[in-house]
Amino acid sequence: SLTAHVTVTGVQGHSAYPHRARNPLPAMVRLMDRLASHELDAGSAHFDASTLAVVTIDTGNPASNVIPASCRATVNIRFNDHHSGASLTDWLRAEAAAVAAEFGVGIEVAVKISGESFLTPPGPLSDLVARAVATETGITPVLSTSGGTSDARFVKDHCPVVEFGLVGRTMHQVDECVEVAQIHQLKRIYGRILADYFA
């Protein structure tokens, strides 16, 4: 995933004299609309379509009659194997440059890449986990790359990885929760995985 912090800088002024200011907000709105309305891709053989979410827009301006000097926004992109952090950074900066030129403002894009997309091909480890799930639940699991940025990115270059855990229907929502019975079931599955792995 990638997070971009965008700052648009104009010229502060009084709202009664907009011609003496350069309002950064219309440029920010245009840029965020361009980014959010762009389809990054339609997915790939192993990954869902990449997504872009505008997660903050802020001026820090409590005055109702002052055009702010700057405003900030944050964009989060979850991307698949059609892109790299570098290619998306280039695209974001090109879009920002086009809007900056159109509105005569400065736009800075600071990017943090949390991880590139990766895929561990199915093999002995995923087979072992799938058997444990089927044995304990009677459900045949589906191998999937959905679920957001994977913490497995930290060890994927050193060993095969499989991520498996609770179904996050309320993940990161207010009152995030899970049924206690699911936790007990997960414990049994993890126990089965370990027992079979070390058998």
C-alpha atoms as a PDB file:
ATOM      1  CA  SER A   1       0.000   0.000   0.000  1.00  0.00           C
ATOM      2  CA  LEU A   2       0.930   3.620  -0.399  1.00  0.00           C
ATOM      3  CA  THR A   3      -0.038   6.721   1.558  1.00  0.00           C
ATOM      4  CA  ALA A   4       0.370  10.167   0.011  1.00  0.00           C
ATOM      5  CA  HIS A   5       0.257  13.384   2.017  1.00  0.00           C
ATOM      6  CA  VAL A   6      -0.668  16.222  -0.328  1.00  0.00           C
ATOM      7  CA  THR A   7      -0.182  19.906   0.502  1.00  0.00           C
ATOM      8  CA  VAL A   8      -1.547  22.645  -1.745  1.00  0.00           C
ATOM      9  CA  THR A   9      -0.125  26.107  -1.091  1.00  0.00           C
ATOM     10  CA  GLY A  10      -1.753  29.298  -2.323  1.00  0.00           C
ATOM     11  CA  VAL A  11      -1.925  32.826  -0.918  1.00  0.00           C
ATOM     12  CA  GLN A  12      -3.966  33.639   2.192  1.00  0.00           C
ATOM     13  CA  GLY A  13      -6.468  36.469   1.967  1.00  0.00           C
ATOM     14  CA  HIS A  14      -9.851  37.794   3.016  1.00  0.00           C
ATOM     15  CA  SER A  15     -12.876  36.186   1.404  1.00  0.00           C
ATOM     16  CA  ALA A  16     -14.171  39.676   0.491  1.00  0.00           C
ATOM     17  CA  TYR A  17     -11.085  40.127  -1.702  1.00  0.00           C
ATOM     18  CA  PRO A  18     -10.552  36.758  -3.383  1.00  0.00           C
ATOM     19  CA  HIS A  19      -8.694  38.412  -6.281  1.00  0.00           C
ATOM     20  CA  ARG A  20      -5.907  39.290  -3.810  1.00  0.00           C
ATOM     21  CA  ALA A  21      -5.562  35.706  -2.642  1.00  0.00           C
ATOM     22  CA  ARG A  22      -4.939  32.359  -4.270  1.00  0.00           C
ATOM     23  CA  ASN A  23      -7.318  29.848  -2.729  1.00  0.00           C
ATOM     24  CA  PRO A  24      -5.718  26.390  -2.463  1.00  0.00           C
ATOM     25  CA  LEU A  25      -9.045  24.627  -1.886  1.00  0.00           C
ATOM     26  CA  PRO A  26     -10.383  24.557  -5.483  1.00  0.00           C
ATOM     27  CA  ALA A  27      -7.074  23.053  -6.619  1.00  0.00           C
ATOM     28  CA  MET A  28      -7.211  20.437  -3.863  1.00  0.00           C
ATOM     29  CA  VAL A  29     -10.806  19.558  -4.714  1.00  0.00           C
ATOM     30  CA  ARG A  30      -9.884  19.211  -8.404  1.00  0.00           C
ATOM     31  CA  LEU A  31      -6.882  17.026  -7.618  1.00  0.00           C
ATOM     32  CA  MET A  32      -8.779  14.773  -5.219  1.00  0.00           C
ATOM     33  CA  ASP A  33     -11.585  14.393  -7.774  1.00  0.00           C
ATOM     34  CA  ARG A  34      -9.099  13.501 -10.519  1.00  0.00           C
ATOM     35  CA  LEU A  35      -7.447  10.903  -8.313  1.00  0.00           C
ATOM     36  CA  ALA A  36     -10.626   9.385  -6.854  1.00  0.00           C
ATOM     37  CA  SER A  37     -12.429   9.141 -10.202  1.00  0.00           C
ATOM     38  CA  HIS A  38      -9.505   7.432 -11.968  1.00  0.00           C
ATOM     39  CA  GLU A  39      -9.799   3.647 -12.321  1.00  0.00           C
ATOM     40  CA  LEU A  40      -6.353   2.341 -11.507  1.00  0.00           C
ATOM     41  CA  ASP A  41      -6.998  -1.111 -13.007  1.00  0.00           C
ATOM     42  CA  ALA A  42      -9.584  -3.891 -13.181  1.00  0.00           C
ATOM     43  CA  GLY A  43      -7.650  -6.375 -11.081  1.00  0.00           C
ATOM     44  CA  SER A  44      -5.362  -9.189 -12.146  1.00  0.00           C
ATOM     45  CA  ALA A  45      -5.308 -12.971 -12.102  1.00  0.00           C
ATOM     46  CA  HIS A  46      -4.487 -13.056  -8.385  1.00  0.00           C
ATOM     47  CA  PHE A  47      -5.535  -9.645  -7.041  1.00  0.00           C
ATOM     48  CA  ASP A  48      -8.642  -7.496  -6.762  1.00  0.00           C
ATOM     49  CA  ALA A  49      -8.683  -4.108  -8.462  1.00  0.00           C
ATOM     50  CA  SER A  50      -6.428  -1.488  -6.902  1.00  0.00           C
ATOM     51  CA  THR A  51      -8.257   1.114  -4.817  1.00  0.00           C
ATOM     52  CA  LEU A  52      -7.655   4.735  -3.926  1.00  0.00           C
ATOM     53  CA  ALA A  53      -9.362   6.395  -0.961  1.00  0.00           C
ATOM     54  CA  VAL A  54      -9.216  10.060  -0.007  1.00  0.00           C
ATOM     55  CA  VAL A  55      -9.076   9.776   3.789  1.00  0.00           C
ATOM     56  CA  THR A  56      -8.535  13.378   4.958  1.00  0.00           C
ATOM     57  CA  ILE A  57      -8.902  16.934   3.672  1.00  0.00           C
ATOM     58  CA  ASP A  58      -8.098  19.740   6.092  1.00  0.00           C
ATOM     59  CA  THR A  59      -7.302  23.449   6.151  1.00  0.00           C
ATOM     60  CA  GLY A  60      -6.951  23.944   9.898  1.00  0.00           C
ATOM     61  CA  ASN A  61      -8.865  27.166   9.296  1.00  0.00           C
ATOM     62  CA  PRO A  62     -11.418  28.103  11.991  1.00  0.00           C
ATOM     63  CA  ALA A  63     -12.233  31.484  10.372  1.00  0.00           C
ATOM     64  CA  SER A  64     -15.255  31.668   8.093  1.00  0.00           C
ATOM     65  CA  ASN A  65     -14.026  34.739   6.190  1.00  0.00           C
ATOM     66  CA  VAL A  66     -10.368  33.903   5.529  1.00  0.00           C
ATOM     67  CA  ILE A  67      -9.064  32.104   2.478  1.00  0.00           C
ATOM     68  CA  PRO A  68      -6.405  29.742   3.861  1.00  0.00           C
ATOM     69  CA  ALA A  69      -2.809  29.794   2.693  1.00  0.00           C
ATOM     70  CA  SER A  70      -2.697  26.023   2.387  1.00  0.00           C
ATOM     71  CA  CYS A  71      -4.649  22.822   2.790  1.00  0.00           C
ATOM     72  CA  ARG A  72      -3.709  19.188   3.197  1.00  0.00           C
ATOM     73  CA  ALA A  73      -5.154  15.867   2.158  1.00  0.00           C
ATOM     74  CA  THR A  74      -4.203  12.240   2.626  1.00  0.00           C
ATOM     75  CA  VAL A  75      -4.748   9.533   0.042  1.00  0.00           C
ATOM     76  CA  ASN A  76      -4.334   5.792   0.613  1.00  0.00           C
ATOM     77  CA  ILE A  77      -3.807   3.410  -2.311  1.00  0.00           C
ATOM     78  CA  ARG A  78      -4.040  -0.381  -2.013  1.00  0.00           C
ATOM     79  CA  PHE A  79      -2.433  -1.690  -5.177  1.00  0.00           C
ATOM     80  CA  ASN A  80      -1.927  -4.967  -6.975  1.00  0.00           C
ATOM     81  CA  ASP A  81       0.735  -6.370  -9.274  1.00  0.00           C
ATOM     82  CA  HIS A  82      -0.183  -3.984 -12.114  1.00  0.00           C
ATOM     83  CA  HIS A  83       1.628  -1.229 -10.201  1.00  0.00           C
ATOM     84  CA  SER A  84       4.630  -0.498  -8.037  1.00  0.00           C
ATOM     85  CA  GLY A  85       5.004   2.129  -5.362  1.00  0.00           C
ATOM     86  CA  ALA A  86       7.314   4.028  -7.723  1.00  0.00           C
ATOM     87  CA  SER A  87       4.894   3.961 -10.680  1.00  0.00           C
ATOM     88  CA  LEU A  88       2.035   5.214  -8.514  1.00  0.00           C
ATOM     89  CA  THR A  89       4.233   7.932  -7.012  1.00  0.00           C
ATOM     90  CA  ASP A  90       5.084   9.110 -10.536  1.00  0.00           C
ATOM     91  CA  TRP A  91       1.383   9.132 -11.471  1.00  0.00           C
ATOM     92  CA  LEU A  92       0.396  11.078  -8.340  1.00  0.00           C
ATOM     93  CA  ARG A  93       3.097  13.680  -8.944  1.00  0.00           C
ATOM     94  CA  ALA A  94       2.115  14.063 -12.612  1.00  0.00           C
ATOM     95  CA  GLU A  95      -1.537  14.620 -11.643  1.00  0.00           C
ATOM     96  CA  ALA A  96      -0.455  17.132  -8.986  1.00  0.00           C
ATOM     97  CA  ALA A  97       1.738  19.002 -11.477  1.00  0.00           C
ATOM     98  CA  ALA A  98      -1.139  19.283 -13.966  1.00  0.00           C
ATOM     99  CA  VAL A  99      -3.478  20.718 -11.320  1.00  0.00           C
ATOM    100  CA  ALA A 100      -0.775  23.032  -9.953  1.00  0.00           C
ATOM    101  CA  ALA A 101      -0.241  24.472 -13.433  1.00  0.00           C
ATOM    102  CA  GLU A 102      -3.983  24.868 -14.007  1.00  0.00           C
ATOM    103  CA  PHE A 103      -4.558  26.770 -10.737  1.00  0.00           C
ATOM    104  CA  GLY A 104      -1.219  28.503 -10.273  1.00  0.00           C
ATOM    105  CA  VAL A 105      -0.585  26.972  -6.854  1.00  0.00           C
ATOM    106  CA  GLY A 106       2.171  24.883  -5.343  1.00  0.00           C
ATOM    107  CA  ILE A 107       1.476  21.214  -4.694  1.00  0.00           C
ATOM    108  CA  GLU A 108       3.757  18.940  -2.712  1.00  0.00           C
ATOM    109  CA  VAL A 109       3.229  15.179  -2.609  1.00  0.00           C
ATOM    110  CA  ALA A 110       5.027  13.228   0.144  1.00  0.00           C
ATOM    111  CA  VAL A 111       4.707   9.472  -0.307  1.00  0.00           C
ATOM    112  CA  LYS A 112       5.196   6.585   2.105  1.00  0.00           C
ATOM    113  CA  ILE A 113       5.207   3.112   0.571  1.00  0.00           C
ATOM    114  CA  SER A 114       4.248   0.490   3.155  1.00  0.00           C
ATOM    115  CA  GLY A 115       4.834  -2.479   0.892  1.00  0.00           C
ATOM    116  CA  GLU A 116       4.711  -3.772  -2.666  1.00  0.00           C
ATOM    117  CA  SER A 117       2.246  -6.421  -3.795  1.00  0.00           C
ATOM    118  CA  PHE A 118       3.490 -10.000  -3.602  1.00  0.00           C
ATOM    119  CA  LEU A 119       2.145 -13.511  -3.993  1.00  0.00           C
ATOM    120  CA  THR A 120       3.262 -16.763  -2.416  1.00  0.00           C
ATOM    121  CA  PRO A 121       2.266 -19.504  -4.875  1.00  0.00           C
ATOM    122  CA  PRO A 122       0.098 -22.290  -3.429  1.00  0.00           C
ATOM    123  CA  GLY A 123       2.189 -25.111  -2.027  1.00  0.00           C
ATOM    124  CA  PRO A 124       2.739 -27.369   0.987  1.00  0.00           C
ATOM    125  CA  LEU A 125       2.124 -24.652   3.598  1.00  0.00           C
ATOM    126  CA  SER A 126      -1.137 -23.396   2.101  1.00  0.00           C
ATOM    127  CA  ASP A 127      -2.257 -27.017   1.620  1.00  0.00           C
ATOM    128  CA  LEU A 128      -1.536 -27.764   5.295  1.00  0.00           C
ATOM    129  CA  VAL A 129      -3.523 -24.710   6.455  1.00  0.00           C
ATOM    130  CA  ALA A 130      -6.423 -25.528   4.118  1.00  0.00           C
ATOM    131  CA  ARG A 131      -6.588 -29.111   5.446  1.00  0.00           C
ATOM    132  CA  ALA A 132      -6.591 -27.863   9.053  1.00  0.00           C
ATOM    133  CA  VAL A 133      -9.435 -25.433   8.327  1.00  0.00           C
ATOM    134  CA  ALA A 134     -11.464 -28.103   6.538  1.00  0.00           C
ATOM    135  CA  THR A 135     -10.878 -30.633   9.330  1.00  0.00           C
ATOM    136  CA  GLU A 136     -11.892 -28.254  12.127  1.00  0.00           C
ATOM    137  CA  THR A 137     -14.760 -26.423  10.401  1.00  0.00           C
ATOM    138  CA  GLY A 138     -15.982 -28.570   7.529  1.00  0.00           C
ATOM    139  CA  ILE A 139     -15.390 -25.552   5.268  1.00  0.00           C
ATOM    140  CA  THR A 140     -13.011 -25.663   2.323  1.00  0.00           C
ATOM    141  CA  PRO A 141     -11.128 -22.359   2.381  1.00  0.00           C
ATOM    142  CA  VAL A 142     -10.586 -20.220  -0.707  1.00  0.00           C
ATOM    143  CA  LEU A 143      -7.069 -18.953  -1.290  1.00  0.00           C
ATOM    144  CA  SER A 144      -7.260 -15.190  -1.684  1.00  0.00           C
ATOM    145  CA  THR A 145      -5.119 -12.064  -1.693  1.00  0.00           C
ATOM    146  CA  SER A 146      -7.890  -9.859  -0.303  1.00  0.00           C
ATOM    147  CA  GLY A 147      -7.627  -8.328   3.130  1.00  0.00           C
ATOM    148  CA  GLY A 148      -5.393  -5.310   2.753  1.00  0.00           C
ATOM    149  CA  THR A 149      -1.707  -4.810   3.363  1.00  0.00           C
ATOM    150  CA  SER A 150      -0.139  -7.997   4.653  1.00  0.00           C
ATOM    151  CA  ASP A 151       2.234  -8.107   7.602  1.00  0.00           C
ATOM    152  CA  ALA A 152       3.677 -11.162   5.871  1.00  0.00           C
ATOM    153  CA  ARG A 153       5.593  -8.672   3.715  1.00  0.00           C
ATOM    154  CA  PHE A 154       8.209  -8.553   6.470  1.00  0.00           C
ATOM    155  CA  VAL A 155       9.099 -12.260   6.181  1.00  0.00           C
ATOM    156  CA  LYS A 156       8.017 -13.226   2.649  1.00  0.00           C
ATOM    157  CA  ASP A 157      11.571 -13.076   1.316  1.00  0.00           C
ATOM    158  CA  HIS A 158      12.766 -15.595   3.908  1.00  0.00           C
ATOM    159  CA  CYS A 159      10.077 -18.289   3.952  1.00  0.00           C
ATOM    160  CA  PRO A 160       6.688 -19.267   2.495  1.00  0.00           C
ATOM    161  CA  VAL A 161       3.823 -17.305   4.034  1.00  0.00           C
ATOM    162  CA  VAL A 162       0.127 -17.854   4.582  1.00  0.00           C
ATOM    163  CA  GLU A 163      -2.054 -15.406   6.449  1.00  0.00           C
ATOM    164  CA  PHE A 164      -5.064 -16.850   8.163  1.00  0.00           C
ATOM    165  CA  GLY A 165      -7.256 -15.452  10.890  1.00  0.00           C
ATOM    166  CA  LEU A 166     -10.687 -14.295  11.888  1.00  0.00           C
ATOM    167  CA  VAL A 167     -13.167 -12.935   9.367  1.00  0.00           C
ATOM    168  CA  GLY A 168     -13.124  -9.169   9.876  1.00  0.00           C
ATOM    169  CA  ARG A 169     -16.704  -8.135   9.123  1.00  0.00           C
ATOM    170  CA  THR A 170     -16.407  -5.122  11.454  1.00  0.00           C
ATOM    171  CA  MET A 171     -12.664  -4.571  11.054  1.00  0.00           C
ATOM    172  CA  HIS A 172     -11.632  -0.983  11.917  1.00  0.00           C
ATOM    173  CA  GLN A 173     -15.262   0.051  12.442  1.00  0.00           C
ATOM    174  CA  VAL A 174     -16.840   1.503  15.556  1.00  0.00           C
ATOM    175  CA  ASP A 175     -17.557  -1.367  17.963  1.00  0.00           C
ATOM    176  CA  GLU A 176     -15.242  -3.777  16.162  1.00  0.00           C
ATOM    177  CA  CYS A 177     -16.054  -7.234  17.463  1.00  0.00           C
ATOM    178  CA  VAL A 178     -15.929 -10.951  16.872  1.00  0.00           C
ATOM    179  CA  GLU A 179     -17.878 -13.841  18.351  1.00  0.00           C
ATOM    180  CA  VAL A 180     -16.084 -15.618  21.203  1.00  0.00           C
ATOM    181  CA  ALA A 181     -16.931 -18.954  19.568  1.00  0.00           C
ATOM    182  CA  GLN A 182     -14.902 -17.896  16.519  1.00  0.00           C
ATOM    183  CA  ILE A 183     -11.869 -17.244  18.714  1.00  0.00           C
ATOM    184  CA  HIS A 184     -12.136 -20.742  20.191  1.00  0.00           C
ATOM    185  CA  GLN A 185     -12.540 -22.238  16.719  1.00  0.00           C
ATOM    186  CA  LEU A 186      -9.492 -20.307  15.500  1.00  0.00           C
ATOM    187  CA  LYS A 187      -7.477 -21.644  18.448  1.00  0.00           C
ATOM    188  CA  ARG A 188      -8.391 -25.208  17.440  1.00  0.00           C
ATOM    189  CA  ILE A 189      -7.386 -24.545  13.831  1.00  0.00           C
ATOM    190  CA  TYR A 190      -4.043 -23.065  14.874  1.00  0.00           C
ATOM    191  CA  GLY A 191      -3.471 -26.081  17.122  1.00  0.00           C
ATOM    192  CA  ARG A 192      -4.215 -28.429  14.234  1.00  0.00           C
ATOM    193  CA  ILE A 193      -1.834 -26.502  11.938  1.00  0.00           C
ATOM    194  CA  LEU A 194       1.003 -26.784  14.457  1.00  0.00           C
ATOM    195  CA  ALA A 195       0.327 -30.446  15.220  1.00  0.00           C
ATOM    196  CA  ASP A 196       0.255 -31.366  11.527  1.00  0.00           C
ATOM    197  CA  TYR A 197       3.307 -29.241  10.693  1.00  0.00           C
ATOM    198  CA  PHE A 198       5.441 -30.878  13.374  1.00  0.00           C
ATOM    199  CA  ALA A 199       4.037 -34.403  12.861  1.00  0.00           C
END
